[in-house]
Every structure is written in C-alpha cells, then in structure tokens.
PDB file of N, CA and C in Angstrom:
ATOM      1  N   MET A   1     -82.734-129.608  46.072  1.00  0.00           N
ATOM      2  CA  MET A   1     -82.549-128.609  45.029  1.00  0.00           C
ATOM      3  C   MET A   1     -83.920-128.196  44.495  1.00  0.00           C
ATOM      4  N   ALA A   2     -84.191-126.933  44.547  1.00  0.00           N
ATOM      5  CA  ALA A   2     -85.477-126.410  44.096  1.00  0.00           C
ATOM      6  C   ALA A   2     -85.522-126.385  42.573  1.00  0.00           C
ATOM      7  N   LYS A   3     -86.720-126.636  42.040  1.00  0.00           N
ATOM      8  CA  LYS A   3     -86.888-126.561  40.593  1.00  0.00           C
ATOM      9  C   LYS A   3     -86.815-125.111  40.144  1.00  0.00           C
ATOM     10  N   LYS A   4     -86.171-124.911  38.998  1.00  0.00           N
ATOM     11  CA  LYS A   4     -86.103-123.563  38.445  1.00  0.00           C
ATOM     12  C   LYS A   4     -87.356-123.297  37.633  1.00  0.00           C
ATOM     13  N   LYS A   5     -87.779-122.070  37.649  1.00  0.00           N
ATOM     14  CA  LYS A   5     -88.897-121.656  36.818  1.00  0.00           C
ATOM     15  C   LYS A   5     -88.338-121.214  35.467  1.00  0.00           C
ATOM     16  N   TRP A   6     -89.198-121.218  34.468  1.00  0.00           N
ATOM     17  CA  TRP A   6     -88.789-120.858  33.108  1.00  0.00           C
ATOM     18  C   TRP A   6     -88.083-119.501  33.097  1.00  0.00           C
ATOM     19  N   LYS A   7     -88.605-118.550  33.828  1.00  0.00           N
ATOM     20  CA  LYS A   7     -88.028-117.197  33.829  1.00  0.00           C
ATOM     21  C   LYS A   7     -86.643-117.158  34.460  1.00  0.00           C
ATOM     22  N   ASP A   8     -86.298-118.182  35.257  1.00  0.00           N
ATOM     23  CA  ASP A   8     -84.994-118.227  35.909  1.00  0.00           C
ATOM     24  C   ASP A   8     -83.917-118.878  35.044  1.00  0.00           C
ATOM     25  N   LEU A   9     -84.315-119.485  33.936  1.00  0.00           N
ATOM     26  CA  LEU A   9     -83.352-120.152  33.056  1.00  0.00           C
ATOM     27  C   LEU A   9     -82.642-119.143  32.169  1.00  0.00           C
ATOM     28  N   THR A  10     -81.402-119.478  31.814  1.00  0.00           N
ATOM     29  CA  THR A  10     -80.668-118.634  30.865  1.00  0.00           C
ATOM     30  C   THR A  10     -81.203-118.888  29.460  1.00  0.00           C
ATOM     31  N   SER A  11     -80.839-118.039  28.533  1.00  0.00           N
ATOM     32  CA  SER A  11     -81.266-118.225  27.138  1.00  0.00           C
ATOM     33  C   SER A  11     -80.769-119.555  26.590  1.00  0.00           C
ATOM     34  N   ARG A  12     -79.557-119.921  26.944  1.00  0.00           N
ATOM     35  CA  ARG A  12     -78.991-121.186  26.467  1.00  0.00           C
ATOM     36  C   ARG A  12     -79.774-122.374  27.031  1.00  0.00           C
ATOM     37  N   GLN A  13     -80.106-122.332  28.311  1.00  0.00           N
ATOM     38  CA  GLN A  13     -80.876-123.409  28.930  1.00  0.00           C
ATOM     39  C   GLN A  13     -82.261-123.519  28.300  1.00  0.00           C
ATOM     40  N   LYS A  14     -82.886-122.394  28.030  1.00  0.00           N
ATOM     41  CA  LYS A  14     -84.194-122.404  27.364  1.00  0.00           C
ATOM     42  C   LYS A  14     -84.077-123.020  25.973  1.00  0.00           C
ATOM     43  N   GLY A  15     -83.014-122.686  25.266  1.00  0.00           N
ATOM     44  CA  GLY A  15     -82.794-123.249  23.931  1.00  0.00           C
ATOM     45  C   GLY A  15     -82.626-124.752  23.963  1.00  0.00           C
ATOM     46  N   VAL A  16     -81.901-125.248  24.964  1.00  0.00           N
ATOM     47  CA  VAL A  16     -81.705-126.694  25.107  1.00  0.00           C
ATOM     48  C   VAL A  16     -83.040-127.387  25.387  1.00  0.00           C
ATOM     49  N   VAL A  17     -83.846-126.798  26.250  1.00  0.00           N
ATOM     50  CA  VAL A  17     -85.162-127.378  26.563  1.00  0.00           C
ATOM     51  C   VAL A  17     -86.036-127.416  25.314  1.00  0.00           C
ATOM     52  N   VAL A  18     -86.080-126.328  24.572  1.00  0.00           N
ATOM     53  CA  VAL A  18     -86.907-126.259  23.365  1.00  0.00           C
ATOM     54  C   VAL A  18     -86.401-127.249  22.312  1.00  0.00           C
ATOM     55  N   ALA A  19     -85.093-127.309  22.106  1.00  0.00           N
ATOM     56  CA  ALA A  19     -84.531-128.232  21.114  1.00  0.00           C
ATOM     57  C   ALA A  19     -84.792-129.685  21.491  1.00  0.00           C
ATOM     58  N   THR A  20     -84.592-130.033  22.750  1.00  0.00           N
ATOM     59  CA  THR A  20     -84.817-131.403  23.210  1.00  0.00           C
ATOM     60  C   THR A  20     -86.285-131.781  23.068  1.00  0.00           C
ATOM     61  N   THR A  21     -87.168-130.877  23.419  1.00  0.00           N
ATOM     62  CA  THR A  21     -88.606-131.136  23.290  1.00  0.00           C
ATOM     63  C   THR A  21     -89.001-131.315  21.835  1.00  0.00           C
ATOM     64  N   THR A  22     -88.448-130.504  20.954  1.00  0.00           N
ATOM     65  CA  THR A  22     -88.749-130.602  19.531  1.00  0.00           C
ATOM     66  C   THR A  22     -88.274-131.935  18.960  1.00  0.00           C
ATOM     67  N   ILE A  23     -87.064-132.335  19.302  1.00  0.00           N
ATOM     68  CA  ILE A  23     -86.529-133.611  18.830  1.00  0.00           C
ATOM     69  C   ILE A  23     -87.360-134.771  19.362  1.00  0.00           C
ATOM     70  N   ASP A  24     -87.693-134.741  20.644  1.00  0.00           N
ATOM     71  CA  ASP A  24     -88.498-135.797  21.250  1.00  0.00           C
ATOM     72  C   ASP A  24     -89.866-135.896  20.583  1.00  0.00           C
ATOM     73  N   THR A  25     -90.513-134.761  20.350  1.00  0.00           N
ATOM     74  CA  THR A  25     -91.828-134.752  19.709  1.00  0.00           C
ATOM     75  C   THR A  25     -91.750-135.318  18.296  1.00  0.00           C
ATOM     76  N   GLY A  26     -90.736-134.929  17.551  1.00  0.00           N
ATOM     77  CA  GLY A  26     -90.567-135.450  16.192  1.00  0.00           C
ATOM     78  C   GLY A  26     -90.335-136.950  16.172  1.00  0.00           C
ATOM     79  N   LEU A  27     -89.463-137.438  17.054  1.00  0.00           N
ATOM     80  CA  LEU A  27     -89.197-138.876  17.110  1.00  0.00           C
ATOM     81  C   LEU A  27     -90.424-139.660  17.551  1.00  0.00           C
ATOM     82  N   ARG A  28     -91.154-139.144  18.531  1.00  0.00           N
ATOM     83  CA  ARG A  28     -92.378-139.820  18.990  1.00  0.00           C
ATOM     84  C   ARG A  28     -93.419-139.888  17.874  1.00  0.00           C
ATOM     85  N   THR A  29     -93.571-138.784  17.134  1.00  0.00           N
ATOM     86  CA  THR A  29     -94.529-138.751  16.025  1.00  0.00           C
ATOM     87  C   THR A  29     -94.142-139.754  14.947  1.00  0.00           C
ATOM     88  N   TRP A  30     -92.876-139.764  14.573  1.00  0.00           N
ATOM     89  CA  TRP A  30     -92.378-140.684  13.552  1.00  0.00           C
ATOM     90  C   TRP A  30     -92.582-142.135  14.005  1.00  0.00           C
ATOM     91  N   ALA A  31     -92.159-142.449  15.227  1.00  0.00           N
ATOM     92  CA  ALA A  31     -92.277-143.816  15.736  1.00  0.00           C
ATOM     93  C   ALA A  31     -93.743-144.229  15.874  1.00  0.00           C
ATOM     94  N   GLY A  32     -94.586-143.337  16.353  1.00  0.00           N
ATOM     95  CA  GLY A  32     -96.009-143.654  16.507  1.00  0.00           C
ATOM     96  C   GLY A  32     -96.694-143.913  15.179  1.00  0.00           C
ATOM     97  N   ARG A  33     -96.406-143.099  14.197  1.00  0.00           N
ATOM     98  CA  ARG A  33     -97.000-143.307  12.861  1.00  0.00           C
ATOM     99  C   ARG A  33     -96.488-144.591  12.229  1.00  0.00           C
ATOM    100  N   ASP A  34     -95.199-144.873  12.409  1.00  0.00           N
ATOM    101  CA  ASP A  34     -94.630-146.100  11.872  1.00  0.00           C
ATOM    102  C   ASP A  34     -95.266-147.320  12.543  1.00  0.00           C
ATOM    103  N   LEU A  35     -95.390-147.267  13.860  1.00  0.00           N
ATOM    104  CA  LEU A  35     -95.986-148.372  14.602  1.00  0.00           C
ATOM    105  C   LEU A  35     -97.433-148.601  14.171  1.00  0.00           C
ATOM    106  N   ALA A  36     -98.186-147.537  13.993  1.00  0.00           N
ATOM    107  CA  ALA A  36     -99.588-147.658  13.583  1.00  0.00           C
ATOM    108  C   ALA A  36     -99.732-148.272  12.194  1.00  0.00           C
ATOM    109  N   SER A  37     -98.738-148.072  11.348  1.00  0.00           N
ATOM    110  CA  SER A  37     -98.836-148.576   9.969  1.00  0.00           C
ATOM    111  C   SER A  37     -98.362-150.021   9.823  1.00  0.00           C
ATOM    112  N   ARG A  38     -97.831-150.621  10.878  1.00  0.00           N
ATOM    113  CA  ARG A  38     -97.305-151.984  10.811  1.00  0.00           C
ATOM    114  C   ARG A  38     -98.255-152.978  11.456  1.00  0.00           C
ATOM    115  N   THR A  39     -98.178-154.221  10.968  1.00  0.00           N
ATOM    116  CA  THR A  39     -98.918-155.307  11.604  1.00  0.00           C
ATOM    117  C   THR A  39     -98.085-155.848  12.759  1.00  0.00           C
ATOM    118  N   GLN A  40     -98.705-156.651  13.613  1.00  0.00           N
ATOM    119  CA  GLN A  40     -97.989-157.246  14.755  1.00  0.00           C
ATOM    120  C   GLN A  40     -96.790-158.059  14.281  1.00  0.00           C
ATOM    121  N   GLU A  41     -96.913-158.717  13.145  1.00  0.00           N
ATOM    122  CA  GLU A  41     -95.829-159.555  12.630  1.00  0.00           C
ATOM    123  C   GLU A  41     -94.612-158.733  12.190  1.00  0.00           C
ATOM    124  N   GLU A  42     -94.797-157.467  11.963  1.00  0.00           N
ATOM    125  CA  GLU A  42     -93.702-156.596  11.526  1.00  0.00           C
ATOM    126  C   GLU A  42     -93.033-155.849  12.683  1.00  0.00           C
ATOM    127  N   VAL A  43     -93.417-156.197  13.920  1.00  0.00           N
ATOM    128  CA  VAL A  43     -92.896-155.504  15.096  1.00  0.00           C
ATOM    129  C   VAL A  43     -92.228-156.521  16.016  1.00  0.00           C
ATOM    130  N   ASN A  44     -91.053-156.184  16.519  1.00  0.00           N
ATOM    131  CA  ASN A  44     -90.382-157.012  17.523  1.00  0.00           C
ATOM    132  C   ASN A  44     -91.005-156.719  18.878  1.00  0.00           C
ATOM    133  N   GLY A  45     -91.668-157.708  19.447  1.00  0.00           N
ATOM    134  CA  GLY A  45     -92.340-157.529  20.732  1.00  0.00           C
ATOM    135  C   GLY A  45     -93.791-157.145  20.539  1.00  0.00           C
ATOM    136  N   PRO A  46     -94.514-157.041  21.651  1.00  0.00           N
ATOM    137  CA  PRO A  46     -95.935-156.701  21.563  1.00  0.00           C
ATOM    138  C   PRO A  46     -96.152-155.263  21.067  1.00  0.00           C
ATOM    139  N   LYS A  47     -96.960-155.137  20.044  1.00  0.00           N
ATOM    140  CA  LYS A  47     -97.239-153.827  19.470  1.00  0.00           C
ATOM    141  C   LYS A  47     -97.895-152.910  20.499  1.00  0.00           C
ATOM    142  N   TRP A  48     -98.797-153.446  21.322  1.00  0.00           N
ATOM    143  CA  TRP A  48     -99.478-152.639  22.335  1.00  0.00           C
ATOM    144  C   TRP A  48     -98.481-152.071  23.350  1.00  0.00           C
ATOM    145  N   ALA A  49     -97.445-152.856  23.677  1.00  0.00           N
ATOM    146  CA  ALA A  49     -96.456-152.399  24.654  1.00  0.00           C
ATOM    147  C   ALA A  49     -95.629-151.250  24.088  1.00  0.00           C
ATOM    148  N   TRP A  50     -95.250-151.355  22.824  1.00  0.00           N
ATOM    149  CA  TRP A  50     -94.520-150.261  22.190  1.00  0.00           C
ATOM    150  C   TRP A  50     -95.385-148.999  22.180  1.00  0.00           C
ATOM    151  N   GLY A  51     -96.651-149.162  21.812  1.00  0.00           N
ATOM    152  CA  GLY A  51     -97.552-148.013  21.771  1.00  0.00           C
ATOM    153  C   GLY A  51     -97.721-147.357  23.130  1.00  0.00           C
ATOM    154  N   LEU A  52     -97.905-148.173  24.154  1.00  0.00           N
ATOM    155  CA  LEU A  52     -98.056-147.655  25.511  1.00  0.00           C
ATOM    156  C   LEU A  52     -96.774-146.941  25.958  1.00  0.00           C
ATOM    157  N   GLY A  53     -95.645-147.550  25.687  1.00  0.00           N
ATOM    158  CA  GLY A  53     -94.374-146.936  26.062  1.00  0.00           C
ATOM    159  C   GLY A  53     -94.125-145.617  25.353  1.00  0.00           C
ATOM    160  N   LEU A  54     -94.413-145.589  24.053  1.00  0.00           N
ATOM    161  CA  LEU A  54     -94.207-144.355  23.294  1.00  0.00           C
ATOM    162  C   LEU A  54     -95.135-143.245  23.773  1.00  0.00           C
ATOM    163  N   ALA A  55     -96.324-143.617  24.229  1.00  0.00           N
ATOM    164  CA  ALA A  55     -97.293-142.616  24.677  1.00  0.00           C
ATOM    165  C   ALA A  55     -97.041-142.150  26.109  1.00  0.00           C
ATOM    166  N   MET A  56     -96.543-143.036  26.967  1.00  0.00           N
ATOM    167  CA  MET A  56     -96.514-142.736  28.390  1.00  0.00           C
ATOM    168  C   MET A  56     -95.125-142.469  28.986  1.00  0.00           C
ATOM    169  N   VAL A  57     -94.091-143.044  28.426  1.00  0.00           N
ATOM    170  CA  VAL A  57     -92.768-142.962  29.042  1.00  0.00           C
ATOM    171  C   VAL A  57     -92.031-141.719  28.559  1.00  0.00           C
ATOM    172  N   ASN A  58     -91.585-140.904  29.490  1.00  0.00           N
ATOM    173  CA  ASN A  58     -90.805-139.716  29.169  1.00  0.00           C
ATOM    174  C   ASN A  58     -89.339-140.127  29.091  1.00  0.00           C
ATOM    175  N   SER A  59     -88.831-140.286  27.890  1.00  0.00           N
ATOM    176  CA  SER A  59     -87.477-140.804  27.713  1.00  0.00           C
ATOM    177  C   SER A  59     -86.571-139.860  26.930  1.00  0.00           C
ATOM    178  N   VAL A  60     -87.003-138.648  26.719  1.00  0.00           N
ATOM    179  CA  VAL A  60     -86.223-137.631  26.000  1.00  0.00           C
ATOM    180  C   VAL A  60     -85.725-138.172  24.656  1.00  0.00           C
ATOM    181  N   GLY A  61     -86.610-138.862  23.948  1.00  0.00           N
ATOM    182  CA  GLY A  61     -86.282-139.354  22.617  1.00  0.00           C
ATOM    183  C   GLY A  61     -85.603-140.697  22.569  1.00  0.00           C
ATOM    184  N   ILE A  62     -85.239-141.264  23.716  1.00  0.00           N
ATOM    185  CA  ILE A  62     -84.516-142.533  23.709  1.00  0.00           C
ATOM    186  C   ILE A  62     -85.429-143.691  23.296  1.00  0.00           C
ATOM    187  N   LEU A  63     -86.623-143.791  23.892  1.00  0.00           N
ATOM    188  CA  LEU A  63     -87.521-144.898  23.559  1.00  0.00           C
ATOM    189  C   LEU A  63     -87.961-144.866  22.095  1.00  0.00           C
ATOM    190  N   PRO A  64     -88.338-143.713  21.540  1.00  0.00           N
ATOM    191  CA  PRO A  64     -88.668-143.717  20.111  1.00  0.00           C
ATOM    192  C   PRO A  64     -87.489-144.157  19.239  1.00  0.00           C
ATOM    193  N   ALA A  65     -86.281-143.751  19.602  1.00  0.00           N
ATOM    194  CA  ALA A  65     -85.097-144.165  18.831  1.00  0.00           C
ATOM    195  C   ALA A  65     -84.876-145.667  18.946  1.00  0.00           C
ATOM    196  N   VAL A  66     -85.076-146.222  20.151  1.00  0.00           N
ATOM    197  CA  VAL A  66     -84.938-147.670  20.339  1.00  0.00           C
ATOM    198  C   VAL A  66     -85.950-148.399  19.477  1.00  0.00           C
ATOM    199  N   TYR A  67     -87.198-147.932  19.453  1.00  0.00           N
ATOM    200  CA  TYR A  67     -88.214-148.565  18.601  1.00  0.00           C
ATOM    201  C   TYR A  67     -87.797-148.501  17.129  1.00  0.00           C
ATOM    202  N   LEU A  68     -87.385-147.331  16.678  1.00  0.00           N
ATOM    203  CA  LEU A  68     -87.047-147.165  15.257  1.00  0.00           C
ATOM    204  C   LEU A  68     -85.839-148.012  14.852  1.00  0.00           C
ATOM    205  N   ILE A  69     -84.928-148.283  15.784  1.00  0.00           N
ATOM    206  CA  ILE A  69     -83.742-149.079  15.462  1.00  0.00           C
ATOM    207  C   ILE A  69     -83.992-150.568  15.650  1.00  0.00           C
ATOM    208  N   TRP A  70     -84.556-150.975  16.794  1.00  0.00           N
ATOM    209  CA  TRP A  70     -84.690-152.397  17.116  1.00  0.00           C
ATOM    210  C   TRP A  70     -86.119-152.921  17.165  1.00  0.00           C
ATOM    211  N   GLY A  71     -87.098-152.056  17.265  1.00  0.00           N
ATOM    212  CA  GLY A  71     -88.483-152.501  17.429  1.00  0.00           C
ATOM    213  C   GLY A  71     -89.155-152.930  16.141  1.00  0.00           C
ATOM    214  N   ARG A  72     -88.588-152.567  15.018  1.00  0.00           N
ATOM    215  CA  ARG A  72     -89.197-152.915  13.738  1.00  0.00           C
ATOM    216  C   ARG A  72     -88.456-154.092  13.123  1.00  0.00           C
ATOM    217  N   LYS A  73     -89.214-155.021  12.584  1.00  0.00           N
ATOM    218  CA  LYS A  73     -88.591-156.131  11.858  1.00  0.00           C
ATOM    219  C   LYS A  73     -88.299-155.647  10.449  1.00  0.00           C
ATOM    220  N   ARG A  74     -87.206-156.136   9.922  1.00  0.00           N
ATOM    221  CA  ARG A  74     -86.848-155.806   8.545  1.00  0.00           C
ATOM    222  C   ARG A  74     -87.756-156.582   7.603  1.00  0.00           C
ATOM    223  N   VAL A  75     -88.383-155.852   6.712  1.00  0.00           N
ATOM    224  CA  VAL A  75     -89.294-156.475   5.745  1.00  0.00           C
ATOM    225  C   VAL A  75     -88.506-156.761   4.484  1.00  0.00           C
ATOM    226  N   SER A  76     -88.454-158.062   4.091  1.00  0.00           N
ATOM    227  CA  SER A  76     -87.761-158.401   2.855  1.00  0.00           C
ATOM    228  C   SER A  76     -88.719-158.222   1.671  1.00  0.00           C
ATOM    229  N   GLN A  77     -88.178-157.623   0.646  1.00  0.00           N
ATOM    230  CA  GLN A  77     -89.028-157.337  -0.523  1.00  0.00           C
ATOM    231  C   GLN A  77     -88.543-158.071  -1.735  1.00  0.00           C
TER     232      GLN A  77
END
C-alpha cells in the first residue's frame, strides 16, 4: 500500500492528523515538564528511561499518558 501524500487526504483525514498531532504534542510537553520537575525518588522507574521514551518513541500520545498515570509516584503532603 502506497503512502498517501497530504494533498491526497480528505479534509476529515487532515483534521484527524492535525488533532492527533496536537494532542500528542500537548501530552508530551506536559509529561516532559512534569518529569523534569521531579526527583528520581518521585518517579516510578528510571527517570532517564522515561525521558528517552518521551523524546524518541512515537506513540500517538499513549506513552505520555502512561507516564502521567503510572510513571509518577503519589507525593503525600
């Protein structure tokens, strides 16, 4: 199956691509800033691994959501 070019996509398909990219970018930004503001003790798993994954893995927002839900330890106040 040949890849479609942007000009070959319907308006609806273009909208889905733009919306998905926007959501992914927002989640990655949120997760990256949160990760940067935490110490290693406040993160489940190696902090460097989360950072590398958030920067390199194309997961359409799934990896940032996983980090935000399970990657952070709950801080008791």
